[in-house]
PDB file of N, CA and C in Angstrom:
ATOM      1  N   MET A   1     101.508  15.993 -15.830  1.00  0.00           N
ATOM      2  CA  MET A   1     101.521  15.112 -16.986  1.00  0.00           C
ATOM      3  C   MET A   1     100.577  15.682 -18.037  1.00  0.00           C
ATOM      4  N   ALA A   2     100.933  15.517 -19.288  1.00  0.00           N
ATOM      5  CA  ALA A   2     100.174  16.126 -20.380  1.00  0.00           C
ATOM      6  C   ALA A   2      98.807  15.473 -20.573  1.00  0.00           C
ATOM      7  N   VAL A   3      98.700  14.169 -20.363  1.00  0.00           N
ATOM      8  CA  VAL A   3      97.434  13.463 -20.569  1.00  0.00           C
ATOM      9  C   VAL A   3      96.844  13.148 -19.199  1.00  0.00           C
ATOM     10  N   SER A   4      95.588  13.514 -18.996  1.00  0.00           N
ATOM     11  CA  SER A   4      94.968  13.252 -17.698  1.00  0.00           C
ATOM     12  C   SER A   4      94.540  11.795 -17.613  1.00  0.00           C
ATOM     13  N   TYR A   5      94.346  11.341 -16.380  1.00  0.00           N
ATOM     14  CA  TYR A   5      93.936   9.949 -16.168  1.00  0.00           C
ATOM     15  C   TYR A   5      92.552   9.688 -16.759  1.00  0.00           C
ATOM     16  N   ALA A   6      91.678  10.671 -16.684  1.00  0.00           N
ATOM     17  CA  ALA A   6      90.332  10.506 -17.251  1.00  0.00           C
ATOM     18  C   ALA A   6      90.415  10.300 -18.764  1.00  0.00           C
ATOM     19  N   ARG A   7      91.298  11.025 -19.414  1.00  0.00           N
ATOM     20  CA  ARG A   7      91.467  10.893 -20.868  1.00  0.00           C
ATOM     21  C   ARG A   7      92.003   9.504 -21.218  1.00  0.00           C
ATOM     22  N   ILE A   8      92.922   9.007 -20.404  1.00  0.00           N
ATOM     23  CA  ILE A   8      93.450   7.655 -20.632  1.00  0.00           C
ATOM     24  C   ILE A   8      92.325   6.636 -20.521  1.00  0.00           C
ATOM     25  N   TYR A   9      91.500   6.786 -19.496  1.00  0.00           N
ATOM     26  CA  TYR A   9      90.389   5.848 -19.302  1.00  0.00           C
ATOM     27  C   TYR A   9      89.422   5.903 -20.483  1.00  0.00           C
ATOM     28  N   GLU A  10      89.117   7.104 -20.953  1.00  0.00           N
ATOM     29  CA  GLU A  10      88.216   7.259 -22.105  1.00  0.00           C
ATOM     30  C   GLU A  10      88.780   6.565 -23.342  1.00  0.00           C
ATOM     31  N   LEU A  11      90.068   6.733 -23.586  1.00  0.00           N
ATOM     32  CA  LEU A  11      90.697   6.092 -24.742  1.00  0.00           C
ATOM     33  C   LEU A  11      90.669   4.572 -24.618  1.00  0.00           C
ATOM     34  N   LEU A  12      90.961   4.075 -23.426  1.00  0.00           N
ATOM     35  CA  LEU A  12      90.925   2.627 -23.226  1.00  0.00           C
ATOM     36  C   LEU A  12      89.513   2.077 -23.424  1.00  0.00           C
ATOM     37  N   LEU A  13      88.532   2.762 -22.867  1.00  0.00           N
ATOM     38  CA  LEU A  13      87.146   2.317 -22.988  1.00  0.00           C
ATOM     39  C   LEU A  13      86.705   2.348 -24.451  1.00  0.00           C
ATOM     40  N   LYS A  14      87.188   3.334 -25.196  1.00  0.00           N
ATOM     41  CA  LYS A  14      86.824   3.466 -26.601  1.00  0.00           C
ATOM     42  C   LYS A  14      87.358   2.289 -27.424  1.00  0.00           C
ATOM     43  N   TYR A  15      88.606   1.859 -27.143  1.00  0.00           N
ATOM     44  CA  TYR A  15      89.228   0.814 -27.955  1.00  0.00           C
ATOM     45  C   TYR A  15      89.003  -0.596 -27.409  1.00  0.00           C
ATOM     46  N   VAL A  16      88.786  -0.733 -26.114  1.00  0.00           N
ATOM     47  CA  VAL A  16      88.607  -2.065 -25.539  1.00  0.00           C
ATOM     48  C   VAL A  16      87.144  -2.472 -25.548  1.00  0.00           C
ATOM     49  N   LYS A  17      86.251  -1.559 -25.405  1.00  0.00           N
ATOM     50  CA  LYS A  17      84.794  -1.745 -25.440  1.00  0.00           C
ATOM     51  C   LYS A  17      84.242  -2.402 -24.168  1.00  0.00           C
ATOM     52  N   ASP A  18      85.014  -3.235 -23.505  1.00  0.00           N
ATOM     53  CA  ASP A  18      84.552  -3.877 -22.278  1.00  0.00           C
ATOM     54  C   ASP A  18      85.017  -3.018 -21.099  1.00  0.00           C
ATOM     55  N   GLU A  19      84.064  -2.580 -20.282  1.00  0.00           N
ATOM     56  CA  GLU A  19      84.392  -1.653 -19.195  1.00  0.00           C
ATOM     57  C   GLU A  19      85.311  -2.299 -18.168  1.00  0.00           C
ATOM     58  N   LYS A  20      85.104  -3.574 -17.866  1.00  0.00           N
ATOM     59  CA  LYS A  20      85.933  -4.256 -16.874  1.00  0.00           C
ATOM     60  C   LYS A  20      87.378  -4.373 -17.370  1.00  0.00           C
ATOM     61  N   LYS A  21      87.558  -4.772 -18.622  1.00  0.00           N
ATOM     62  CA  LYS A  21      88.903  -4.876 -19.194  1.00  0.00           C
ATOM     63  C   LYS A  21      89.544  -3.495 -19.329  1.00  0.00           C
ATOM     64  N   ALA A  22      88.729  -2.517 -19.679  1.00  0.00           N
ATOM     65  CA  ALA A  22      89.235  -1.144 -19.785  1.00  0.00           C
ATOM     66  C   ALA A  22      89.723  -0.661 -18.423  1.00  0.00           C
ATOM     67  N   MET A  23      88.974  -1.004 -17.370  1.00  0.00           N
ATOM     68  CA  MET A  23      89.368  -0.602 -16.019  1.00  0.00           C
ATOM     69  C   MET A  23      90.658  -1.308 -15.609  1.00  0.00           C
ATOM     70  N   GLU A  24      90.806  -2.578 -15.958  1.00  0.00           N
ATOM     71  CA  GLU A  24      92.038  -3.308 -15.659  1.00  0.00           C
ATOM     72  C   GLU A  24      93.222  -2.687 -16.401  1.00  0.00           C
ATOM     73  N   CYS A  25      93.027  -2.391 -17.659  1.00  0.00           N
ATOM     74  CA  CYS A  25      94.087  -1.735 -18.450  1.00  0.00           C
ATOM     75  C   CYS A  25      94.425  -0.367 -17.871  1.00  0.00           C
ATOM     76  N   TYR A  26      93.384   0.343 -17.472  1.00  0.00           N
ATOM     77  CA  TYR A  26      93.575   1.669 -16.878  1.00  0.00           C
ATOM     78  C   TYR A  26      94.429   1.553 -15.613  1.00  0.00           C
ATOM     79  N   ASP A  27      94.104   0.584 -14.753  1.00  0.00           N
ATOM     80  CA  ASP A  27      94.873   0.398 -13.517  1.00  0.00           C
ATOM     81  C   ASP A  27      96.335   0.080 -13.822  1.00  0.00           C
ATOM     82  N   VAL A  28      96.557  -0.757 -14.831  1.00  0.00           N
ATOM     83  CA  VAL A  28      97.927  -1.104 -15.214  1.00  0.00           C
ATOM     84  C   VAL A  28      98.654   0.125 -15.748  1.00  0.00           C
ATOM     85  N   VAL A  29      97.991   0.886 -16.599  1.00  0.00           N
ATOM     86  CA  VAL A  29      98.607   2.093 -17.171  1.00  0.00           C
ATOM     87  C   VAL A  29      98.930   3.098 -16.068  1.00  0.00           C
ATOM     88  N   VAL A  30      97.996   3.292 -15.139  1.00  0.00           N
ATOM     89  CA  VAL A  30      98.229   4.231 -14.033  1.00  0.00           C
ATOM     90  C   VAL A  30      99.414   3.761 -13.196  1.00  0.00           C
ATOM     91  N   GLU A  31      99.492   2.467 -12.924  1.00  0.00           N
ATOM     92  CA  GLU A  31     100.613   1.926 -12.147  1.00  0.00           C
ATOM     93  C   GLU A  31     101.938   2.145 -12.872  1.00  0.00           C
ATOM     94  N   VAL A  32     101.942   1.922 -14.187  1.00  0.00           N
ATOM     95  CA  VAL A  32     103.159   2.140 -14.980  1.00  0.00           C
ATOM     96  C   VAL A  32     103.551   3.618 -14.954  1.00  0.00           C
ATOM     97  N   ILE A  33     102.564   4.490 -15.096  1.00  0.00           N
ATOM     98  CA  ILE A  33     102.843   5.936 -15.074  1.00  0.00           C
ATOM     99  C   ILE A  33     103.430   6.336 -13.729  1.00  0.00           C
ATOM    100  N   LYS A  34     102.838   5.821 -12.645  1.00  0.00           N
ATOM    101  CA  LYS A  34     103.352   6.159 -11.310  1.00  0.00           C
ATOM    102  C   LYS A  34     104.769   5.631 -11.121  1.00  0.00           C
ATOM    103  N   GLU A  35     105.049   4.446 -11.635  1.00  0.00           N
ATOM    104  CA  GLU A  35     106.394   3.879 -11.533  1.00  0.00           C
ATOM    105  C   GLU A  35     107.396   4.725 -12.323  1.00  0.00           C
ATOM    106  N   ILE A  36     106.990   5.159 -13.517  1.00  0.00           N
ATOM    107  CA  ILE A  36     107.869   6.021 -14.324  1.00  0.00           C
ATOM    108  C   ILE A  36     108.126   7.339 -13.602  1.00  0.00           C
ATOM    109  N   GLU A  37     107.082   7.914 -13.007  1.00  0.00           N
ATOM    110  CA  GLU A  37     107.249   9.164 -12.255  1.00  0.00           C
ATOM    111  C   GLU A  37     108.193   8.957 -11.074  1.00  0.00           C
ATOM    112  N   ARG A  38     108.039   7.823 -10.375  1.00  0.00           N
ATOM    113  CA  ARG A  38     108.899   7.523  -9.236  1.00  0.00           C
ATOM    114  C   ARG A  38     110.358   7.389  -9.684  1.00  0.00           C
ATOM    115  N   GLU A  39     110.574   6.674 -10.785  1.00  0.00           N
ATOM    116  CA  GLU A  39     111.932   6.510 -11.306  1.00  0.00           C
ATOM    117  C   GLU A  39     112.527   7.848 -11.734  1.00  0.00           C
ATOM    118  N   ALA A  40     111.706   8.672 -12.376  1.00  0.00           N
ATOM    119  CA  ALA A  40     112.188   9.996 -12.804  1.00  0.00           C
ATOM    120  C   ALA A  40     112.548  10.842 -11.590  1.00  0.00           C
ATOM    121  N   ARG A  41     111.702  10.794 -10.569  1.00  0.00           N
ATOM    122  CA  ARG A  41     111.953  11.558  -9.348  1.00  0.00           C
ATOM    123  C   ARG A  41     113.250  11.090  -8.679  1.00  0.00           C
ATOM    124  N   GLU A  42     113.450   9.775  -8.613  1.00  0.00           N
ATOM    125  CA  GLU A  42     114.677   9.234  -8.022  1.00  0.00           C
ATOM    126  C   GLU A  42     115.901   9.628  -8.855  1.00  0.00           C
ATOM    127  N   GLY A  43     115.739   9.624 -10.179  1.00  0.00           N
ATOM    128  CA  GLY A  43     116.838  10.041 -11.046  1.00  0.00           C
ATOM    129  C   GLY A  43     117.215  11.494 -10.823  1.00  0.00           C
ATOM    130  N   VAL A  44     116.212  12.335 -10.677  1.00  0.00           N
ATOM    131  CA  VAL A  44     116.471  13.758 -10.417  1.00  0.00           C
ATOM    132  C   VAL A  44     117.146  13.921  -9.061  1.00  0.00           C
ATOM    133  N   LYS A  45     116.671  13.180  -8.062  1.00  0.00           N
ATOM    134  CA  LYS A  45     117.291  13.259  -6.731  1.00  0.00           C
ATOM    135  C   LYS A  45     118.755  12.845  -6.795  1.00  0.00           C
ATOM    136  N   ASP A  46     119.042  11.759  -7.512  1.00  0.00           N
ATOM    137  CA  ASP A  46     120.426  11.306  -7.639  1.00  0.00           C
ATOM    138  C   ASP A  46     121.284  12.349  -8.346  1.00  0.00           C
ATOM    139  N   ASP A  47     120.744  12.931  -9.412  1.00  0.00           N
ATOM    140  CA  ASP A  47     121.490  13.971 -10.132  1.00  0.00           C
ATOM    141  C   ASP A  47     121.765  15.166  -9.234  1.00  0.00           C
ATOM    142  N   LEU A  48     120.763  15.590  -8.485  1.00  0.00           N
ATOM    143  CA  LEU A  48     120.947  16.727  -7.587  1.00  0.00           C
ATOM    144  C   LEU A  48     121.931  16.392  -6.472  1.00  0.00           C
ATOM    145  N   ARG A  49     121.847  15.183  -5.962  1.00  0.00           N
ATOM    146  CA  ARG A  49     122.752  14.767  -4.895  1.00  0.00           C
ATOM    147  C   ARG A  49     124.193  14.811  -5.390  1.00  0.00           C
ATOM    148  N   ASP A  50     124.407  14.430  -6.644  1.00  0.00           N
ATOM    149  CA  ASP A  50     125.753  14.466  -7.209  1.00  0.00           C
ATOM    150  C   ASP A  50     126.217  15.899  -7.462  1.00  0.00           C
ATOM    151  N   GLU A  51     125.298  16.794  -7.777  1.00  0.00           N
ATOM    152  CA  GLU A  51     125.658  18.165  -8.126  1.00  0.00           C
ATOM    153  C   GLU A  51     125.861  19.056  -6.902  1.00  0.00           C
ATOM    154  N   LEU A  52     125.125  18.800  -5.833  1.00  0.00           N
ATOM    155  CA  LEU A  52     125.197  19.662  -4.663  1.00  0.00           C
ATOM    156  C   LEU A  52     126.441  19.353  -3.837  1.00  0.00           C
ATOM    157  N   ALA A  53     126.964  20.373  -3.188  1.00  0.00           N
ATOM    158  CA  ALA A  53     128.141  20.197  -2.345  1.00  0.00           C
ATOM    159  C   ALA A  53     127.726  19.600  -1.001  1.00  0.00           C
ATOM    160  N   THR A  54     128.538  18.686  -0.517  1.00  0.00           N
ATOM    161  CA  THR A  54     128.275  18.091   0.786  1.00  0.00           C
ATOM    162  C   THR A  54     129.006  18.889   1.858  1.00  0.00           C
ATOM    163  N   LYS A  55     128.721  18.568   3.106  1.00  0.00           N
ATOM    164  CA  LYS A  55     129.405  19.254   4.208  1.00  0.00           C
ATOM    165  C   LYS A  55     130.906  18.997   4.134  1.00  0.00           C
ATOM    166  N   LYS A  56     131.270  17.805   3.695  1.00  0.00           N
ATOM    167  CA  LYS A  56     132.689  17.472   3.552  1.00  0.00           C
ATOM    168  C   LYS A  56     133.340  18.356   2.486  1.00  0.00           C
ATOM    169  N   ASP A  57     132.649  18.567   1.357  1.00  0.00           N
ATOM    170  CA  ASP A  57     133.172  19.438   0.292  1.00  0.00           C
ATOM    171  C   ASP A  57     133.334  20.869   0.791  1.00  0.00           C
ATOM    172  N   ILE A  58     132.341  21.342   1.530  1.00  0.00           N
ATOM    173  CA  ILE A  58     132.393  22.711   2.049  1.00  0.00           C
ATOM    174  C   ILE A  58     133.537  22.859   3.041  1.00  0.00           C
ATOM    175  N   ALA A  59     133.721  21.856   3.921  1.00  0.00           N
ATOM    176  CA  ALA A  59     134.818  21.905   4.891  1.00  0.00           C
ATOM    177  C   ALA A  59     136.167  21.909   4.178  1.00  0.00           C
ATOM    178  N   LEU A  60     136.290  21.130   3.114  1.00  0.00           N
ATOM    179  CA  LEU A  60     137.533  21.086   2.350  1.00  0.00           C
ATOM    180  C   LEU A  60     137.826  22.443   1.706  1.00  0.00           C
ATOM    181  N   LEU A  61     136.805  23.059   1.123  1.00  0.00           N
ATOM    182  CA  LEU A  61     136.984  24.387   0.520  1.00  0.00           C
ATOM    183  C   LEU A  61     137.344  25.427   1.573  1.00  0.00           C
ATOM    184  N   GLU A  62     136.708  25.330   2.735  1.00  0.00           N
ATOM    185  CA  GLU A  62     137.009  26.276   3.813  1.00  0.00           C
ATOM    186  C   GLU A  62     138.464  26.127   4.257  1.00  0.00           C
ATOM    187  N   GLU A  63     138.926  24.889   4.347  1.00  0.00           N
ATOM    188  CA  GLU A  63     140.317  24.641   4.725  1.00  0.00           C
ATOM    189  C   GLU A  63     141.275  25.216   3.686  1.00  0.00           C
ATOM    190  N   LYS A  64     140.961  25.028   2.408  1.00  0.00           N
ATOM    191  CA  LYS A  64     141.804  25.581   1.341  1.00  0.00           C
ATOM    192  C   LYS A  64     141.828  27.107   1.396  1.00  0.00           C
ATOM    193  N   MET A  65     140.663  27.707   1.643  1.00  0.00           N
ATOM    194  CA  MET A  65     140.594  29.168   1.717  1.00  0.00           C
ATOM    195  C   MET A  65     141.415  29.685   2.893  1.00  0.00           C
ATOM    196  N   ASN A  66     141.345  29.001   4.028  1.00  0.00           N
ATOM    197  CA  ASN A  66     142.115  29.427   5.197  1.00  0.00           C
ATOM    198  C   ASN A  66     143.612  29.326   4.939  1.00  0.00           C
ATOM    199  N   SER A  67     144.048  28.247   4.290  1.00  0.00           N
ATOM    200  CA  SER A  67     145.475  28.110   3.996  1.00  0.00           C
ATOM    201  C   SER A  67     145.922  29.174   2.990  1.00  0.00           C
ATOM    202  N   MET A  68     145.061  29.487   2.015  1.00  0.00           N
ATOM    203  CA  MET A  68     145.393  30.527   1.044  1.00  0.00           C
ATOM    204  C   MET A  68     145.482  31.889   1.733  1.00  0.00           C
ATOM    205  N   GLU A  69     144.580  32.143   2.667  1.00  0.00           N
ATOM    206  CA  GLU A  69     144.603  33.406   3.408  1.00  0.00           C
ATOM    207  C   GLU A  69     145.907  33.531   4.194  1.00  0.00           C
ATOM    208  N   GLU A  70     146.327  32.439   4.831  1.00  0.00           N
ATOM    209  CA  GLU A  70     147.583  32.464   5.585  1.00  0.00           C
ATOM    210  C   GLU A  70     148.774  32.739   4.669  1.00  0.00           C
ATOM    211  N   ARG A  71     148.778  32.104   3.492  1.00  0.00           N
ATOM    212  CA  ARG A  71     149.880  32.340   2.546  1.00  0.00           C
ATOM    213  C   ARG A  71     149.912  33.795   2.093  1.00  0.00           C
ATOM    214  N   ILE A  72     148.752  34.369   1.817  1.00  0.00           N
ATOM    215  CA  ILE A  72     148.690  35.766   1.364  1.00  0.00           C
ATOM    216  C   ILE A  72     149.167  36.700   2.472  1.00  0.00           C
ATOM    217  N   LEU A  73     148.733  36.433   3.703  1.00  0.00           N
ATOM    218  CA  LEU A  73     149.162  37.281   4.819  1.00  0.00           C
ATOM    219  C   LEU A  73     150.671  37.181   5.039  1.00  0.00           C
ATOM    220  N   ARG A  74     151.235  35.984   4.924  1.00  0.00           N
ATOM    221  CA  ARG A  74     152.694  35.832   5.048  1.00  0.00           C
ATOM    222  C   ARG A  74     153.411  36.601   3.941  1.00  0.00           C
ATOM    223  N   TYR A  75     152.888  36.540   2.731  1.00  0.00           N
ATOM    224  CA  TYR A  75     153.486  37.248   1.598  1.00  0.00           C
ATOM    225  C   TYR A  75     153.475  38.759   1.846  1.00  0.00           C
ATOM    226  N   VAL A  76     152.330  39.265   2.297  1.00  0.00           N
ATOM    227  CA  VAL A  76     152.218  40.705   2.555  1.00  0.00           C
ATOM    228  C   VAL A  76     153.157  41.118   3.684  1.00  0.00           C
ATOM    229  N   ASP A  77     153.223  40.311   4.749  1.00  0.00           N
ATOM    230  CA  ASP A  77     154.133  40.627   5.855  1.00  0.00           C
ATOM    231  C   ASP A  77     155.582  40.650   5.386  1.00  0.00           C
ATOM    232  N   ASN A  78     155.955  39.702   4.548  1.00  0.00           N
ATOM    233  CA  ASN A  78     157.324  39.682   4.017  1.00  0.00           C
ATOM    234  C   ASN A  78     157.613  40.926   3.185  1.00  0.00           C
ATOM    235  N   LYS A  79     156.639  41.347   2.388  1.00  0.00           N
ATOM    236  CA  LYS A  79     156.840  42.556   1.577  1.00  0.00           C
ATOM    237  C   LYS A  79     156.998  43.790   2.469  1.00  0.00           C
ATOM    238  N   PHE A  80     156.185  43.879   3.530  1.00  0.00           N
ATOM    239  CA  PHE A  80     156.320  45.016   4.455  1.00  0.00           C
ATOM    240  C   PHE A  80     157.700  45.005   5.121  1.00  0.00           C
ATOM    241  N   ASN A  81     158.160  43.835   5.511  1.00  0.00           N
ATOM    242  CA  ASN A  81     159.488  43.747   6.124  1.00  0.00           C
ATOM    243  C   ASN A  81     160.572  44.156   5.133  1.00  0.00           C
ATOM    244  N   GLN A  82     160.439  43.751   3.882  1.00  0.00           N
ATOM    245  CA  GLN A  82     161.410  44.150   2.863  1.00  0.00           C
ATOM    246  C   GLN A  82     161.407  45.663   2.673  1.00  0.00           C
ATOM    247  N   ILE A  83     160.216  46.261   2.678  1.00  0.00           N
ATOM    248  CA  ILE A  83     160.118  47.720   2.516  1.00  0.00           C
ATOM    249  C   ILE A  83     160.743  48.425   3.713  1.00  0.00           C
ATOM    250  N   LYS A  84     160.505  47.918   4.918  1.00  0.00           N
ATOM    251  CA  LYS A  84     161.104  48.523   6.118  1.00  0.00           C
ATOM    252  C   LYS A  84     162.626  48.472   6.043  1.00  0.00           C
ATOM    253  N   ILE A  85     163.153  47.317   5.653  1.00  0.00           N
ATOM    254  CA  ILE A  85     164.607  47.175   5.539  1.00  0.00           C
ATOM    255  C   ILE A  85     165.152  48.114   4.471  1.00  0.00           C
ATOM    256  N   LEU A  86     164.465  48.231   3.357  1.00  0.00           N
ATOM    257  CA  LEU A  86     164.895  49.132   2.286  1.00  0.00           C
ATOM    258  C   LEU A  86     164.892  50.585   2.764  1.00  0.00           C
ATOM    259  N   ILE A  87     163.877  50.970   3.515  1.00  0.00           N
ATOM    260  CA  ILE A  87     163.814  52.341   4.046  1.00  0.00           C
ATOM    261  C   ILE A  87     164.967  52.581   5.016  1.00  0.00           C
ATOM    262  N   LEU A  88     165.239  51.612   5.892  1.00  0.00           N
ATOM    263  CA  LEU A  88     166.344  51.772   6.846  1.00  0.00           C
ATOM    264  C   LEU A  88     167.688  51.872   6.132  1.00  0.00           C
ATOM    265  N   ILE A  89     167.886  51.047   5.109  1.00  0.00           N
ATOM    266  CA  ILE A  89     169.142  51.107   4.346  1.00  0.00           C
ATOM    267  C   ILE A  89     169.270  52.454   3.646  1.00  0.00           C
ATOM    268  N   THR A  90     168.167  52.945   3.078  1.00  0.00           N
ATOM    269  CA  THR A  90     168.186  54.247   2.398  1.00  0.00           C
ATOM    270  C   THR A  90     168.503  55.365   3.389  1.00  0.00           C
ATOM    271  N   LEU A  91     167.856  55.333   4.553  1.00  0.00           N
ATOM    272  CA  LEU A  91     168.146  56.357   5.568  1.00  0.00           C
ATOM    273  C   LEU A  91     169.598  56.288   6.025  1.00  0.00           C
ATOM    274  N   PHE A  92     170.099  55.095   6.236  1.00  0.00           N
ATOM    275  CA  PHE A  92     171.489  54.936   6.644  1.00  0.00           C
ATOM    276  C   PHE A  92     172.435  55.476   5.571  1.00  0.00           C
ATOM    277  N   ALA A  93     172.119  55.182   4.306  1.00  0.00           N
ATOM    278  CA  ALA A  93     172.962  55.672   3.207  1.00  0.00           C
ATOM    279  C   ALA A  93     172.922  57.193   3.136  1.00  0.00           C
ATOM    280  N   VAL A  94     171.749  57.769   3.319  1.00  0.00           N
ATOM    281  CA  VAL A  94     171.635  59.233   3.292  1.00  0.00           C
ATOM    282  C   VAL A  94     172.433  59.836   4.441  1.00  0.00           C
ATOM    283  N   ILE A  95     172.327  59.238   5.615  1.00  0.00           N
ATOM    284  CA  ILE A  95     173.037  59.775   6.779  1.00  0.00           C
ATOM    285  C   ILE A  95     174.546  59.662   6.587  1.00  0.00           C
ATOM    286  N   VAL A  96     175.000  58.539   6.070  1.00  0.00           N
ATOM    287  CA  VAL A  96     176.437  58.329   5.897  1.00  0.00           C
ATOM    288  C   VAL A  96     176.990  59.199   4.773  1.00  0.00           C
ATOM    289  N   LEU A  97     176.262  59.339   3.686  1.00  0.00           N
ATOM    290  CA  LEU A  97     176.787  60.046   2.524  1.00  0.00           C
ATOM    291  C   LEU A  97     176.577  61.560   2.579  1.00  0.00           C
ATOM    292  N   ASN A  98     175.685  62.031   3.400  1.00  0.00           N
ATOM    293  CA  ASN A  98     175.413  63.462   3.478  1.00  0.00           C
ATOM    294  C   ASN A  98     176.330  64.080   4.541  1.00  0.00           C
ATOM    295  N   PRO A  99     177.107  65.082   4.141  1.00  0.00           N
ATOM    296  CA  PRO A  99     178.040  65.670   5.118  1.00  0.00           C
ATOM    297  C   PRO A  99     177.330  66.422   6.250  1.00  0.00           C
ATOM    298  N   TYR A 100     176.131  66.884   5.998  1.00  0.00           N
ATOM    299  CA  TYR A 100     175.419  67.631   7.026  1.00  0.00           C
ATOM    300  C   TYR A 100     174.469  66.740   7.838  1.00  0.00           C
ATOM    301  N   ALA A 101     174.368  65.488   7.490  1.00  0.00           N
ATOM    302  CA  ALA A 101     173.422  64.585   8.143  1.00  0.00           C
ATOM    303  C   ALA A 101     173.766  64.398   9.613  1.00  0.00           C
ATOM    304  N   TYR A 102     175.048  64.324   9.929  1.00  0.00           N
ATOM    305  CA  TYR A 102     175.444  64.131  11.315  1.00  0.00           C
ATOM    306  C   TYR A 102     174.936  65.279  12.176  1.00  0.00           C
ATOM    307  N   GLU A 103     175.050  66.477  11.693  1.00  0.00           N
ATOM    308  CA  GLU A 103     174.581  67.647  12.444  1.00  0.00           C
ATOM    309  C   GLU A 103     173.057  67.657  12.556  1.00  0.00           C
ATOM    310  N   ILE A 104     172.362  67.228  11.485  1.00  0.00           N
ATOM    311  CA  ILE A 104     170.891  67.180  11.503  1.00  0.00           C
ATOM    312  C   ILE A 104     170.415  66.145  12.520  1.00  0.00           C
ATOM    313  N   VAL A 105     171.030  64.964  12.507  1.00  0.00           N
ATOM    314  CA  VAL A 105     170.654  63.910  13.462  1.00  0.00           C
ATOM    315  C   VAL A 105     170.962  64.366  14.875  1.00  0.00           C
ATOM    316  N   LYS A 106     172.092  65.007  15.071  1.00  0.00           N
ATOM    317  CA  LYS A 106     172.483  65.509  16.387  1.00  0.00           C
ATOM    318  C   LYS A 106     171.470  66.540  16.873  1.00  0.00           C
ATOM    319  N   ALA A 107     170.976  67.390  15.971  1.00  0.00           N
ATOM    320  CA  ALA A 107     169.986  68.408  16.339  1.00  0.00           C
ATOM    321  C   ALA A 107     168.636  67.764  16.657  1.00  0.00           C
ATOM    322  N   ILE A 108     168.287  66.724  15.929  1.00  0.00           N
ATOM    323  CA  ILE A 108     167.005  66.050  16.163  1.00  0.00           C
ATOM    324  C   ILE A 108     167.014  65.320  17.502  1.00  0.00           C
ATOM    325  N   LEU A 109     168.131  64.696  17.845  1.00  0.00           N
ATOM    326  CA  LEU A 109     168.201  63.900  19.068  1.00  0.00           C
ATOM    327  C   LEU A 109     168.309  64.747  20.333  1.00  0.00           C
ATOM    328  N   LYS A 110     168.614  66.009  20.221  1.00  0.00           N
ATOM    329  CA  LYS A 110     168.709  66.874  21.407  1.00  0.00           C
ATOM    330  C   LYS A 110     167.395  67.204  21.957  1.00  0.00           C
TER     331      LYS A 110
END
């Protein structure tokens, strides 16, 4: 806090002139300051609690990430299968359309 408690007491004593009344005012001011600090601290805690992720939020994100990973892996597997089929079709077309392919395949299989 910018103003120390001793400074507050000095100011109160200066303007009130009666030490007992100044002490009573000081106690009230200190209590009010502590209450304001407590409220500010609780407000900050509430704000942080709202901003921070809970275990439930983290579990939800983890579940979403796992489902996304599964979708990506399925997509990649499908693409690999499409490429394999395309390669087989291309090889079949080359073998069928090439007049010497039958002899080459026959030589390879021996």
